[in-house]
């Protein structure tokens, strides 16, 4: 948990974190390596299922398989998880834009 955020009074936000960003944020791979791995990951032909980003990082030689496996365990098992209740229906999702209409009533 980011204690500096709590101490500063800044409200916490939920942000999705992907495994490649997790490795980059832990300074295990550089921004350049992360971007190159993403480019390779998304440009590789899709044969049934896309290759995992960890596999791409290993194949490019950025990290050893043992490090990626250990970090994957930390990513999946050691991170704090915050569960939130099901979202409440919001009126903004069902409201349609209204086009102004001019009415003239004749008696």
C-alpha atoms as a PDB file:
ATOM      1  CA  UNK A   1       0.000   0.000   0.000  1.00  0.00           C
ATOM      2  CA  UNK A   2       1.299   3.439  -0.860  1.00  0.00           C
ATOM      3  CA  UNK A   3       1.536   5.062   2.584  1.00  0.00           C
ATOM      4  CA  UNK A   4       2.674   8.423   1.185  1.00  0.00           C
ATOM      5  CA  UNK A   5      -0.634   8.721  -0.652  1.00  0.00           C
ATOM      6  CA  UNK A   6      -2.541   8.057   2.566  1.00  0.00           C
ATOM      7  CA  UNK A   7      -0.429  10.532   4.535  1.00  0.00           C
ATOM      8  CA  UNK A   8      -0.897  13.251   1.912  1.00  0.00           C
ATOM      9  CA  UNK A   9      -4.676  12.927   1.941  1.00  0.00           C
ATOM     10  CA  UNK A  10      -4.794  12.188  -1.783  1.00  0.00           C
ATOM     11  CA  UNK A  11      -7.606   9.739  -2.453  1.00  0.00           C
ATOM     12  CA  UNK A  12      -6.500   6.304  -3.594  1.00  0.00           C
ATOM     13  CA  UNK A  13      -7.542   5.144  -7.039  1.00  0.00           C
ATOM     14  CA  UNK A  14      -7.910   1.705  -8.517  1.00  0.00           C
ATOM     15  CA  UNK A  15      -5.653   1.278 -11.502  1.00  0.00           C
ATOM     16  CA  UNK A  16      -5.242  -1.840 -13.588  1.00  0.00           C
ATOM     17  CA  UNK A  17      -1.640  -3.009 -13.723  1.00  0.00           C
ATOM     18  CA  UNK A  18      -0.408  -5.412 -16.358  1.00  0.00           C
ATOM     19  CA  UNK A  19       2.529  -7.727 -15.858  1.00  0.00           C
ATOM     20  CA  UNK A  20       4.870  -5.837 -18.200  1.00  0.00           C
ATOM     21  CA  UNK A  21       4.155  -2.573 -16.358  1.00  0.00           C
ATOM     22  CA  UNK A  22       4.719  -4.396 -13.073  1.00  0.00           C
ATOM     23  CA  UNK A  23       8.199  -5.467 -14.211  1.00  0.00           C
ATOM     24  CA  UNK A  24       8.984  -1.978 -15.505  1.00  0.00           C
ATOM     25  CA  UNK A  25       7.757  -0.281 -12.320  1.00  0.00           C
ATOM     26  CA  UNK A  26       9.952  -2.597 -10.236  1.00  0.00           C
ATOM     27  CA  UNK A  27      12.925  -1.473 -12.388  1.00  0.00           C
ATOM     28  CA  UNK A  28      13.551  -4.993 -13.705  1.00  0.00           C
ATOM     29  CA  UNK A  29      13.188  -3.864 -17.315  1.00  0.00           C
ATOM     30  CA  UNK A  30      13.648  -0.418 -18.830  1.00  0.00           C
ATOM     31  CA  UNK A  31      10.974   1.636 -20.557  1.00  0.00           C
ATOM     32  CA  UNK A  32      12.631   0.791 -23.876  1.00  0.00           C
ATOM     33  CA  UNK A  33      12.600  -2.942 -23.159  1.00  0.00           C
ATOM     34  CA  UNK A  34       8.978  -2.759 -22.025  1.00  0.00           C
ATOM     35  CA  UNK A  35       7.910  -0.923 -25.196  1.00  0.00           C
ATOM     36  CA  UNK A  36       9.906  -3.277 -27.443  1.00  0.00           C
ATOM     37  CA  UNK A  37       8.352  -6.300 -25.718  1.00  0.00           C
ATOM     38  CA  UNK A  38       4.866  -4.815 -26.131  1.00  0.00           C
ATOM     39  CA  UNK A  39       5.490  -4.116 -29.815  1.00  0.00           C
ATOM     40  CA  UNK A  40       6.717  -7.675 -30.332  1.00  0.00           C
ATOM     41  CA  UNK A  41       3.863  -9.088 -28.252  1.00  0.00           C
ATOM     42  CA  UNK A  42       1.098  -7.291 -30.167  1.00  0.00           C
ATOM     43  CA  UNK A  43       2.631  -7.604 -33.641  1.00  0.00           C
ATOM     44  CA  UNK A  44       3.284 -11.345 -33.433  1.00  0.00           C
ATOM     45  CA  UNK A  45       0.846 -13.446 -35.450  1.00  0.00           C
ATOM     46  CA  UNK A  46      -2.005 -14.782 -33.389  1.00  0.00           C
ATOM     47  CA  UNK A  47      -2.079 -18.567 -33.658  1.00  0.00           C
ATOM     48  CA  UNK A  48      -4.928 -19.523 -31.377  1.00  0.00           C
ATOM     49  CA  UNK A  49      -3.739 -17.564 -28.347  1.00  0.00           C
ATOM     50  CA  UNK A  50      -1.441 -14.564 -27.999  1.00  0.00           C
ATOM     51  CA  UNK A  51       1.973 -15.242 -26.488  1.00  0.00           C
ATOM     52  CA  UNK A  52       2.313 -14.079 -22.882  1.00  0.00           C
ATOM     53  CA  UNK A  53       4.295 -10.883 -22.307  1.00  0.00           C
ATOM     54  CA  UNK A  54       6.570 -12.763 -19.884  1.00  0.00           C
ATOM     55  CA  UNK A  55       7.461 -15.208 -22.639  1.00  0.00           C
ATOM     56  CA  UNK A  56       8.240 -12.303 -24.966  1.00  0.00           C
ATOM     57  CA  UNK A  57      10.481 -10.711 -22.325  1.00  0.00           C
ATOM     58  CA  UNK A  58      12.359 -13.996 -21.807  1.00  0.00           C
ATOM     59  CA  UNK A  59      12.752 -14.664 -25.548  1.00  0.00           C
ATOM     60  CA  UNK A  60      14.138 -11.158 -26.105  1.00  0.00           C
ATOM     61  CA  UNK A  61      16.706 -11.790 -23.360  1.00  0.00           C
ATOM     62  CA  UNK A  62      15.565  -8.973 -21.095  1.00  0.00           C
ATOM     63  CA  UNK A  63      15.152 -11.251 -18.045  1.00  0.00           C
ATOM     64  CA  UNK A  64      15.918 -14.861 -17.175  1.00  0.00           C
ATOM     65  CA  UNK A  65      13.007 -17.275 -16.991  1.00  0.00           C
ATOM     66  CA  UNK A  66      13.583 -17.817 -13.253  1.00  0.00           C
ATOM     67  CA  UNK A  67      13.201 -14.091 -12.557  1.00  0.00           C
ATOM     68  CA  UNK A  68      10.053 -13.814 -14.677  1.00  0.00           C
ATOM     69  CA  UNK A  69       8.534 -16.836 -12.895  1.00  0.00           C
ATOM     70  CA  UNK A  70       9.369 -15.426  -9.446  1.00  0.00           C
ATOM     71  CA  UNK A  71       7.956 -12.028 -10.372  1.00  0.00           C
ATOM     72  CA  UNK A  72       4.827 -13.650 -11.834  1.00  0.00           C
ATOM     73  CA  UNK A  73       4.249 -15.361  -8.477  1.00  0.00           C
ATOM     74  CA  UNK A  74       4.660 -12.006  -6.705  1.00  0.00           C
ATOM     75  CA  UNK A  75       2.360 -10.325  -9.235  1.00  0.00           C
ATOM     76  CA  UNK A  76      -0.414 -12.902  -8.834  1.00  0.00           C
ATOM     77  CA  UNK A  77      -0.045 -13.888  -5.173  1.00  0.00           C
ATOM     78  CA  UNK A  78       1.605 -11.089  -3.216  1.00  0.00           C
ATOM     79  CA  UNK A  79      -0.191  -7.965  -4.409  1.00  0.00           C
ATOM     80  CA  UNK A  80      -2.912  -6.507  -2.241  1.00  0.00           C
ATOM     81  CA  UNK A  81      -6.312  -7.083  -3.778  1.00  0.00           C
ATOM     82  CA  UNK A  82      -9.197  -4.720  -3.228  1.00  0.00           C
ATOM     83  CA  UNK A  83     -12.607  -6.132  -3.955  1.00  0.00           C
ATOM     84  CA  UNK A  84     -15.368  -3.734  -4.854  1.00  0.00           C
ATOM     85  CA  UNK A  85     -19.106  -4.258  -4.911  1.00  0.00           C
ATOM     86  CA  UNK A  86     -20.961  -4.647  -8.173  1.00  0.00           C
ATOM     87  CA  UNK A  87     -21.360  -1.288  -9.899  1.00  0.00           C
ATOM     88  CA  UNK A  88     -24.595   0.560  -9.274  1.00  0.00           C
ATOM     89  CA  UNK A  89     -26.566   1.411 -12.387  1.00  0.00           C
ATOM     90  CA  UNK A  90     -25.868   4.979 -13.406  1.00  0.00           C
ATOM     91  CA  UNK A  91     -28.366   7.160 -15.191  1.00  0.00           C
ATOM     92  CA  UNK A  92     -25.661   8.546 -17.511  1.00  0.00           C
ATOM     93  CA  UNK A  93     -25.440   5.206 -19.244  1.00  0.00           C
ATOM     94  CA  UNK A  94     -29.123   5.132 -20.134  1.00  0.00           C
ATOM     95  CA  UNK A  95     -29.703   8.817 -20.877  1.00  0.00           C
ATOM     96  CA  UNK A  96     -29.888   9.691 -24.547  1.00  0.00           C
ATOM     97  CA  UNK A  97     -29.071  13.126 -25.894  1.00  0.00           C
ATOM     98  CA  UNK A  98     -32.173  15.216 -26.507  1.00  0.00           C
ATOM     99  CA  UNK A  99     -32.524  17.268 -29.656  1.00  0.00           C
ATOM    100  CA  UNK A 100     -34.269  20.583 -28.946  1.00  0.00           C
ATOM    101  CA  UNK A 101     -37.691  20.810 -30.567  1.00  0.00           C
ATOM    102  CA  UNK A 102     -39.624  24.022 -31.267  1.00  0.00           C
ATOM    103  CA  UNK A 103     -43.370  23.733 -30.806  1.00  0.00           C
ATOM    104  CA  UNK A 104     -45.885  26.180 -32.130  1.00  0.00           C
ATOM    105  CA  UNK A 105     -49.385  25.818 -30.731  1.00  0.00           C
ATOM    106  CA  UNK A 106     -52.135  27.419 -32.750  1.00  0.00           C
ATOM    107  CA  UNK A 107     -55.528  28.011 -31.304  1.00  0.00           C
END
